[in-house]
Each structure stands twice: as structure tokens, then as C-alpha cells.
Amino acid sequence: MALHEQNRMLQILHKKGVDRKHIKTIMEDLKESGIFAEEEVEDEIDWELVDQKAKIWFSDLDPQEKLEAIKNITVEREIETSKYKNQFYYDTEKRIQVKIREMTEKNLRGVDDESEEEDVFDIPVTTRYGRSPLHEAIAMRDIRLIKRYVKEGLYLTCVDNNDHTPMEMAYYEGYTKAMAVFNAHQSKK
């Protein structure tokens, strides 16, 4: 539930004279009912950092030393956070490379644009989860391959085990580049 909606409801309950011990229960019931708009999840508060800053702030250091210590803690935390983010992106890239290798071994990726020796679309119709090669290209976010399959009109109506066509899969995964390719193809018809 959106924070501004929570605050507004609390103001209303307070003005109506609702006892404080009942407010929490009322707010939980309202949240479960779905009456409030869902709010995007914001970054969680780093309570450990807040605790460290509070200890410094209420220490016996002089004000300048306090500010310097808090600045150092914040910089250290930002460096640590960036390391985790970089590791996440590295791991993601590694998983993508493994998937590309797996698809190449199963002859699901096709060949590069420069090489016309092999038939790019001479591949099996379905893979695991009942996915077509176009489904797999969407899962891998391989826009080059998606464009090729859509241009040739291949696998557009195939459904996977979830009964999703490739276009539906791109929609549900929020893959806007693929959706643009599908929309462009449909507008040409």
C-alpha cells in the first residue's frame, strides 16, 4: 500500500477518534482487502548503517570528527554495495554465456549474419518447457535472433507449457524491445 495512502488513512482514523490499540488491526485488514494501490518496493533501509551512524553521532567525538566518520562509513558502504552489484552483473553475464553455449550445443542459436553456410532455421521445434526457439531467444534476450525469427515468420504461434506464445512471453517478462519487434511485424500485415 502506498505510504501516502497509509498516512491519509491514519489521519482519518485519528480524527474519528479510533483507539490506538485498534489502528494496527484496521490498517492490516485494509491492506489485505486490496483497497490501497500497490507501491513499488523501494530499497530496504540499511539498519546496520543507521546503527553505525547513530553510534558515531552520539559518541564523545567533536562534531567535525563525527561528520568525517559518518562520511567514511557511507563511502565504505557504497563501495561494498557496488561490489555486490558488480558481482550480480558478472554472475548474470556468466549465466547468459552458459545458456548461449547450451543453445549452441543444441543447435538452437543459429549462425552469425556473416556466415551463410548453415541453414539458420534448421533446428528442433521445441525445447525444455515446450519452448520454441523463439521462446528461448526471448528468454535469453537475444534481440538479433528474435528479429530473424519474426522476420521469417517462424514460431510465432507456438505455445510453451504455460500456453504462452512468444509474444505473450515477451509481454509477461516485460521485454519491451521484443514487443516492439512483434508490434512492427503485426503492423506490416
C-alpha atoms as a PDB file:
ATOM      1  CA  MET A   1       0.000   0.000   0.000  1.00  0.00           C
ATOM      2  CA  ALA A   2       1.293   3.429  -0.860  1.00  0.00           C
ATOM      3  CA  LEU A   3       2.782   5.364   2.022  1.00  0.00           C
ATOM      4  CA  HIS A   4       0.746   8.491   1.340  1.00  0.00           C
ATOM      5  CA  GLU A   5      -2.447   6.392   1.425  1.00  0.00           C
ATOM      6  CA  GLN A   6      -1.408   4.840   4.741  1.00  0.00           C
ATOM      7  CA  ASN A   7      -0.748   8.275   6.200  1.00  0.00           C
ATOM      8  CA  ARG A   8      -4.069   9.603   4.951  1.00  0.00           C
ATOM      9  CA  MET A   9      -5.929   6.643   6.469  1.00  0.00           C
ATOM     10  CA  LEU A  10      -4.146   7.134   9.785  1.00  0.00           C
ATOM     11  CA  GLN A  11      -5.224  10.794   9.803  1.00  0.00           C
ATOM     12  CA  ILE A  12      -8.831   9.799   9.134  1.00  0.00           C
ATOM     13  CA  LEU A  13      -8.798   7.169  11.889  1.00  0.00           C
ATOM     14  CA  HIS A  14      -7.274   9.657  14.340  1.00  0.00           C
ATOM     15  CA  LYS A  15      -9.869  12.315  13.511  1.00  0.00           C
ATOM     16  CA  LYS A  16     -12.647   9.769  14.001  1.00  0.00           C
ATOM     17  CA  GLY A  17     -11.294   9.037  17.478  1.00  0.00           C
ATOM     18  CA  VAL A  18     -10.382   5.387  16.880  1.00  0.00           C
ATOM     19  CA  ASP A  19      -8.500   3.885  19.820  1.00  0.00           C
ATOM     20  CA  ARG A  20      -4.757   3.449  19.091  1.00  0.00           C
ATOM     21  CA  LYS A  21      -4.769  -0.225  20.022  1.00  0.00           C
ATOM     22  CA  HIS A  22      -7.247  -0.907  17.164  1.00  0.00           C
ATOM     23  CA  ILE A  23      -5.478   1.090  14.460  1.00  0.00           C
ATOM     24  CA  LYS A  24      -2.876  -1.583  13.621  1.00  0.00           C
ATOM     25  CA  THR A  25      -5.559  -4.234  13.141  1.00  0.00           C
ATOM     26  CA  ILE A  26      -7.657  -1.911  10.993  1.00  0.00           C
ATOM     27  CA  MET A  27      -4.673  -0.991   8.809  1.00  0.00           C
ATOM     28  CA  GLU A  28      -3.715  -4.659   8.318  1.00  0.00           C
ATOM     29  CA  ASP A  29      -7.305  -5.532   7.370  1.00  0.00           C
ATOM     30  CA  LEU A  30      -7.443  -2.674   4.878  1.00  0.00           C
ATOM     31  CA  LYS A  31      -4.123  -3.690   3.341  1.00  0.00           C
ATOM     32  CA  GLU A  32      -5.305  -7.310   2.938  1.00  0.00           C
ATOM     33  CA  SER A  33      -8.540  -6.145   1.334  1.00  0.00           C
ATOM     34  CA  GLY A  34      -6.569  -4.597  -1.542  1.00  0.00           C
ATOM     35  CA  ILE A  35      -8.173  -1.197  -1.159  1.00  0.00           C
ATOM     36  CA  PHE A  36      -4.844   0.595  -1.348  1.00  0.00           C
ATOM     37  CA  ALA A  37      -2.782   0.900  -4.525  1.00  0.00           C
ATOM     38  CA  GLU A  38       0.291  -1.276  -4.623  1.00  0.00           C
ATOM     39  CA  GLU A  39       3.507   0.649  -4.259  1.00  0.00           C
ATOM     40  CA  GLU A  40       6.749  -0.272  -5.959  1.00  0.00           C
ATOM     41  CA  VAL A  41       9.129  -1.829  -3.497  1.00  0.00           C
ATOM     42  CA  GLU A  42      11.751   0.661  -2.512  1.00  0.00           C
ATOM     43  CA  ASP A  43      15.198  -0.223  -1.336  1.00  0.00           C
ATOM     44  CA  GLU A  44      15.074  -1.547   2.175  1.00  0.00           C
ATOM     45  CA  ILE A  45      16.569   0.565   4.935  1.00  0.00           C
ATOM     46  CA  ASP A  46      20.083  -0.497   5.832  1.00  0.00           C
ATOM     47  CA  TRP A  47      19.560  -0.657   9.598  1.00  0.00           C
ATOM     48  CA  GLU A  48      23.149  -1.693  10.200  1.00  0.00           C
ATOM     49  CA  LEU A  49      24.357   1.527   8.564  1.00  0.00           C
ATOM     50  CA  VAL A  50      21.813   3.563  10.521  1.00  0.00           C
ATOM     51  CA  ASP A  51      23.005   1.929  13.748  1.00  0.00           C
ATOM     52  CA  GLN A  52      26.660   2.660  12.953  1.00  0.00           C
ATOM     53  CA  LYS A  53      25.864   6.291  12.161  1.00  0.00           C
ATOM     54  CA  ALA A  54      23.849   6.643  15.369  1.00  0.00           C
ATOM     55  CA  LYS A  55      26.703   5.263  17.485  1.00  0.00           C
ATOM     56  CA  ILE A  56      29.075   7.773  15.936  1.00  0.00           C
ATOM     57  CA  TRP A  57      26.621  10.640  16.218  1.00  0.00           C
ATOM     58  CA  PHE A  58      26.024  10.041  19.926  1.00  0.00           C
ATOM     59  CA  SER A  59      29.679   9.398  20.739  1.00  0.00           C
ATOM     60  CA  ASP A  60      32.029  11.796  22.517  1.00  0.00           C
ATOM     61  CA  LEU A  61      33.794  12.858  19.310  1.00  0.00           C
ATOM     62  CA  ASP A  62      33.817  16.502  18.319  1.00  0.00           C
ATOM     63  CA  PRO A  63      31.334  17.485  15.574  1.00  0.00           C
ATOM     64  CA  GLN A  64      33.929  17.610  12.790  1.00  0.00           C
ATOM     65  CA  GLU A  65      35.219  14.108  13.633  1.00  0.00           C
ATOM     66  CA  LYS A  66      31.639  12.820  13.742  1.00  0.00           C
ATOM     67  CA  LEU A  67      30.904  14.136  10.260  1.00  0.00           C
ATOM     68  CA  GLU A  68      34.159  12.693   8.918  1.00  0.00           C
ATOM     69  CA  ALA A  69      33.482   9.278  10.484  1.00  0.00           C
ATOM     70  CA  ILE A  70      29.929   9.174   9.110  1.00  0.00           C
ATOM     71  CA  LYS A  71      31.218  10.157   5.672  1.00  0.00           C
ATOM     72  CA  ASN A  72      33.811   7.350   5.785  1.00  0.00           C
ATOM     73  CA  ILE A  73      31.200   4.767   6.787  1.00  0.00           C
ATOM     74  CA  THR A  74      28.902   5.889   3.971  1.00  0.00           C
ATOM     75  CA  VAL A  75      31.693   5.701   1.386  1.00  0.00           C
ATOM     76  CA  GLU A  76      32.745   2.237   2.597  1.00  0.00           C
ATOM     77  CA  ARG A  77      29.143   1.024   2.381  1.00  0.00           C
ATOM     78  CA  GLU A  78      28.766   2.412  -1.151  1.00  0.00           C
ATOM     79  CA  ILE A  79      31.958   0.609  -2.228  1.00  0.00           C
ATOM     80  CA  GLU A  80      30.708  -2.626  -0.651  1.00  0.00           C
ATOM     81  CA  THR A  81      27.312  -2.247  -2.324  1.00  0.00           C
ATOM     82  CA  SER A  82      28.881  -1.599  -5.717  1.00  0.00           C
ATOM     83  CA  LYS A  83      30.962  -4.775  -5.309  1.00  0.00           C
ATOM     84  CA  TYR A  84      27.758  -6.770  -4.734  1.00  0.00           C
ATOM     85  CA  LYS A  85      26.088  -5.145  -7.748  1.00  0.00           C
ATOM     86  CA  ASN A  86      29.126  -5.844  -9.930  1.00  0.00           C
ATOM     87  CA  GLN A  87      29.152  -9.453  -8.743  1.00  0.00           C
ATOM     88  CA  PHE A  88      25.440  -9.739  -9.549  1.00  0.00           C
ATOM     89  CA  TYR A  89      26.009  -8.432 -13.090  1.00  0.00           C
ATOM     90  CA  TYR A  90      29.028 -10.706 -13.502  1.00  0.00           C
ATOM     91  CA  ASP A  91      27.014 -13.738 -12.353  1.00  0.00           C
ATOM     92  CA  THR A  92      24.148 -12.784 -14.661  1.00  0.00           C
ATOM     93  CA  GLU A  93      26.507 -12.435 -17.608  1.00  0.00           C
ATOM     94  CA  LYS A  94      28.062 -15.784 -16.740  1.00  0.00           C
ATOM     95  CA  ARG A  95      24.623 -17.460 -16.676  1.00  0.00           C
ATOM     96  CA  ILE A  96      23.821 -15.896 -20.051  1.00  0.00           C
ATOM     97  CA  GLN A  97      27.075 -17.196 -21.523  1.00  0.00           C
ATOM     98  CA  VAL A  98      26.348 -20.690 -20.190  1.00  0.00           C
ATOM     99  CA  LYS A  99      22.852 -20.561 -21.705  1.00  0.00           C
ATOM    100  CA  ILE A 100      24.230 -19.379 -25.056  1.00  0.00           C
ATOM    101  CA  ARG A 101      26.763 -22.217 -25.020  1.00  0.00           C
ATOM    102  CA  GLU A 102      23.978 -24.689 -24.178  1.00  0.00           C
ATOM    103  CA  MET A 103      21.809 -23.366 -27.005  1.00  0.00           C
ATOM    104  CA  THR A 104      24.721 -23.509 -29.442  1.00  0.00           C
ATOM    105  CA  GLU A 105      25.425 -27.119 -28.462  1.00  0.00           C
ATOM    106  CA  LYS A 106      21.785 -27.983 -29.108  1.00  0.00           C
ATOM    107  CA  ASN A 107      21.890 -26.006 -32.372  1.00  0.00           C
ATOM    108  CA  LEU A 108      19.292 -23.511 -31.126  1.00  0.00           C
ATOM    109  CA  ARG A 109      21.118 -20.256 -31.749  1.00  0.00           C
ATOM    110  CA  GLY A 110      21.657 -20.367 -35.484  1.00  0.00           C
ATOM    111  CA  VAL A 111      24.714 -18.862 -37.143  1.00  0.00           C
ATOM    112  CA  ASP A 112      26.158 -15.361 -37.337  1.00  0.00           C
ATOM    113  CA  ASP A 113      24.993 -12.925 -40.009  1.00  0.00           C
ATOM    114  CA  GLU A 114      28.335 -13.165 -41.865  1.00  0.00           C
ATOM    115  CA  SER A 115      28.154 -16.937 -42.288  1.00  0.00           C
ATOM    116  CA  GLU A 116      25.542 -18.323 -44.645  1.00  0.00           C
ATOM    117  CA  GLU A 117      26.918 -21.855 -44.848  1.00  0.00           C
ATOM    118  CA  GLU A 118      24.339 -23.389 -42.487  1.00  0.00           C
ATOM    119  CA  ASP A 119      20.594 -23.061 -42.540  1.00  0.00           C
ATOM    120  CA  VAL A 120      19.833 -20.896 -39.506  1.00  0.00           C
ATOM    121  CA  PHE A 121      16.327 -22.235 -39.053  1.00  0.00           C
ATOM    122  CA  ASP A 122      17.118 -25.950 -39.371  1.00  0.00           C
ATOM    123  CA  ILE A 123      16.523 -26.530 -35.667  1.00  0.00           C
ATOM    124  CA  PRO A 124      14.173 -28.544 -33.475  1.00  0.00           C
ATOM    125  CA  VAL A 125      10.697 -27.123 -32.881  1.00  0.00           C
ATOM    126  CA  THR A 126      10.557 -27.349 -29.090  1.00  0.00           C
ATOM    127  CA  THR A 127      12.994 -27.451 -26.208  1.00  0.00           C
ATOM    128  CA  ARG A 128      12.558 -27.839 -22.481  1.00  0.00           C
ATOM    129  CA  TYR A 129       9.341 -26.399 -21.053  1.00  0.00           C
ATOM    130  CA  GLY A 130       7.846 -26.837 -24.508  1.00  0.00           C
ATOM    131  CA  ARG A 131       9.530 -23.667 -25.711  1.00  0.00           C
ATOM    132  CA  SER A 132      10.178 -22.947 -29.340  1.00  0.00           C
ATOM    133  CA  PRO A 133      13.498 -21.419 -30.396  1.00  0.00           C
ATOM    134  CA  LEU A 134      11.744 -18.034 -30.451  1.00  0.00           C
ATOM    135  CA  HIS A 135      10.683 -18.562 -26.822  1.00  0.00           C
ATOM    136  CA  GLU A 136      14.306 -19.392 -25.964  1.00  0.00           C
ATOM    137  CA  ALA A 137      15.549 -16.278 -27.790  1.00  0.00           C
ATOM    138  CA  ILE A 138      13.141 -14.189 -25.702  1.00  0.00           C
ATOM    139  CA  ALA A 139      14.277 -15.884 -22.509  1.00  0.00           C
ATOM    140  CA  MET A 140      17.887 -15.111 -23.480  1.00  0.00           C
ATOM    141  CA  ARG A 141      17.039 -11.547 -24.544  1.00  0.00           C
ATOM    142  CA  ASP A 142      18.722 -12.184 -27.906  1.00  0.00           C
ATOM    143  CA  ILE A 143      17.083  -9.424 -29.944  1.00  0.00           C
ATOM    144  CA  ARG A 144      19.080 -10.269 -33.078  1.00  0.00           C
ATOM    145  CA  LEU A 145      17.704 -13.796 -33.157  1.00  0.00           C
ATOM    146  CA  ILE A 146      14.198 -12.615 -32.262  1.00  0.00           C
ATOM    147  CA  LYS A 147      14.233 -10.245 -35.243  1.00  0.00           C
ATOM    148  CA  ARG A 148      15.363 -13.056 -37.547  1.00  0.00           C
ATOM    149  CA  TYR A 149      12.645 -15.461 -36.441  1.00  0.00           C
ATOM    150  CA  VAL A 150       9.922 -12.811 -36.577  1.00  0.00           C
ATOM    151  CA  LYS A 151      11.084 -11.575 -39.991  1.00  0.00           C
ATOM    152  CA  GLU A 152      10.853 -15.133 -41.338  1.00  0.00           C
ATOM    153  CA  GLY A 153       7.537 -15.654 -39.537  1.00  0.00           C
ATOM    154  CA  LEU A 154       8.825 -18.702 -37.683  1.00  0.00           C
ATOM    155  CA  TYR A 155       7.487 -19.985 -34.350  1.00  0.00           C
ATOM    156  CA  LEU A 156       5.100 -17.041 -33.917  1.00  0.00           C
ATOM    157  CA  THR A 157       2.118 -19.215 -32.991  1.00  0.00           C
ATOM    158  CA  CYS A 158       3.970 -21.895 -30.999  1.00  0.00           C
ATOM    159  CA  VAL A 159       2.895 -22.201 -27.378  1.00  0.00           C
ATOM    160  CA  ASP A 160       5.019 -23.343 -24.472  1.00  0.00           C
ATOM    161  CA  ASN A 161       3.939 -25.456 -21.499  1.00  0.00           C
ATOM    162  CA  ASN A 162       2.313 -22.351 -19.977  1.00  0.00           C
ATOM    163  CA  ASP A 163       0.195 -21.888 -23.140  1.00  0.00           C
ATOM    164  CA  HIS A 164       2.047 -18.660 -23.964  1.00  0.00           C
ATOM    165  CA  THR A 165       3.012 -17.653 -27.457  1.00  0.00           C
ATOM    166  CA  PRO A 166       6.403 -15.955 -27.833  1.00  0.00           C
ATOM    167  CA  MET A 167       4.671 -12.569 -27.945  1.00  0.00           C
ATOM    168  CA  GLU A 168       2.813 -13.303 -24.711  1.00  0.00           C
ATOM    169  CA  MET A 169       6.027 -14.486 -23.092  1.00  0.00           C
ATOM    170  CA  ALA A 170       7.764 -11.236 -24.069  1.00  0.00           C
ATOM    171  CA  TYR A 171       4.807  -9.282 -22.695  1.00  0.00           C
ATOM    172  CA  TYR A 172       4.737 -11.101 -19.352  1.00  0.00           C
ATOM    173  CA  GLU A 173       8.511 -10.764 -18.968  1.00  0.00           C
ATOM    174  CA  GLY A 174       8.302  -7.030 -19.704  1.00  0.00           C
ATOM    175  CA  TYR A 175      10.694  -7.333 -22.662  1.00  0.00           C
ATOM    176  CA  THR A 176       9.792  -4.119 -24.490  1.00  0.00           C
ATOM    177  CA  LYS A 177      12.348  -4.480 -27.292  1.00  0.00           C
ATOM    178  CA  ALA A 178      10.863  -7.817 -28.317  1.00  0.00           C
ATOM    179  CA  MET A 179       7.347  -6.388 -28.035  1.00  0.00           C
ATOM    180  CA  ALA A 180       8.369  -3.601 -30.419  1.00  0.00           C
ATOM    181  CA  VAL A 181       9.579  -6.226 -32.917  1.00  0.00           C
ATOM    182  CA  PHE A 182       6.305  -8.150 -32.650  1.00  0.00           C
ATOM    183  CA  ASN A 183       4.225  -4.960 -32.982  1.00  0.00           C
ATOM    184  CA  ALA A 184       6.214  -3.870 -36.036  1.00  0.00           C
ATOM    185  CA  HIS A 185       5.654  -7.288 -37.615  1.00  0.00           C
ATOM    186  CA  GLN A 186       1.907  -7.153 -36.924  1.00  0.00           C
ATOM    187  CA  SER A 187       1.596  -3.641 -38.346  1.00  0.00           C
ATOM    188  CA  LYS A 188       3.182  -4.854 -41.627  1.00  0.00           C
ATOM    189  CA  LYS A 189       0.434  -7.478 -42.040  1.00  0.00           C
END
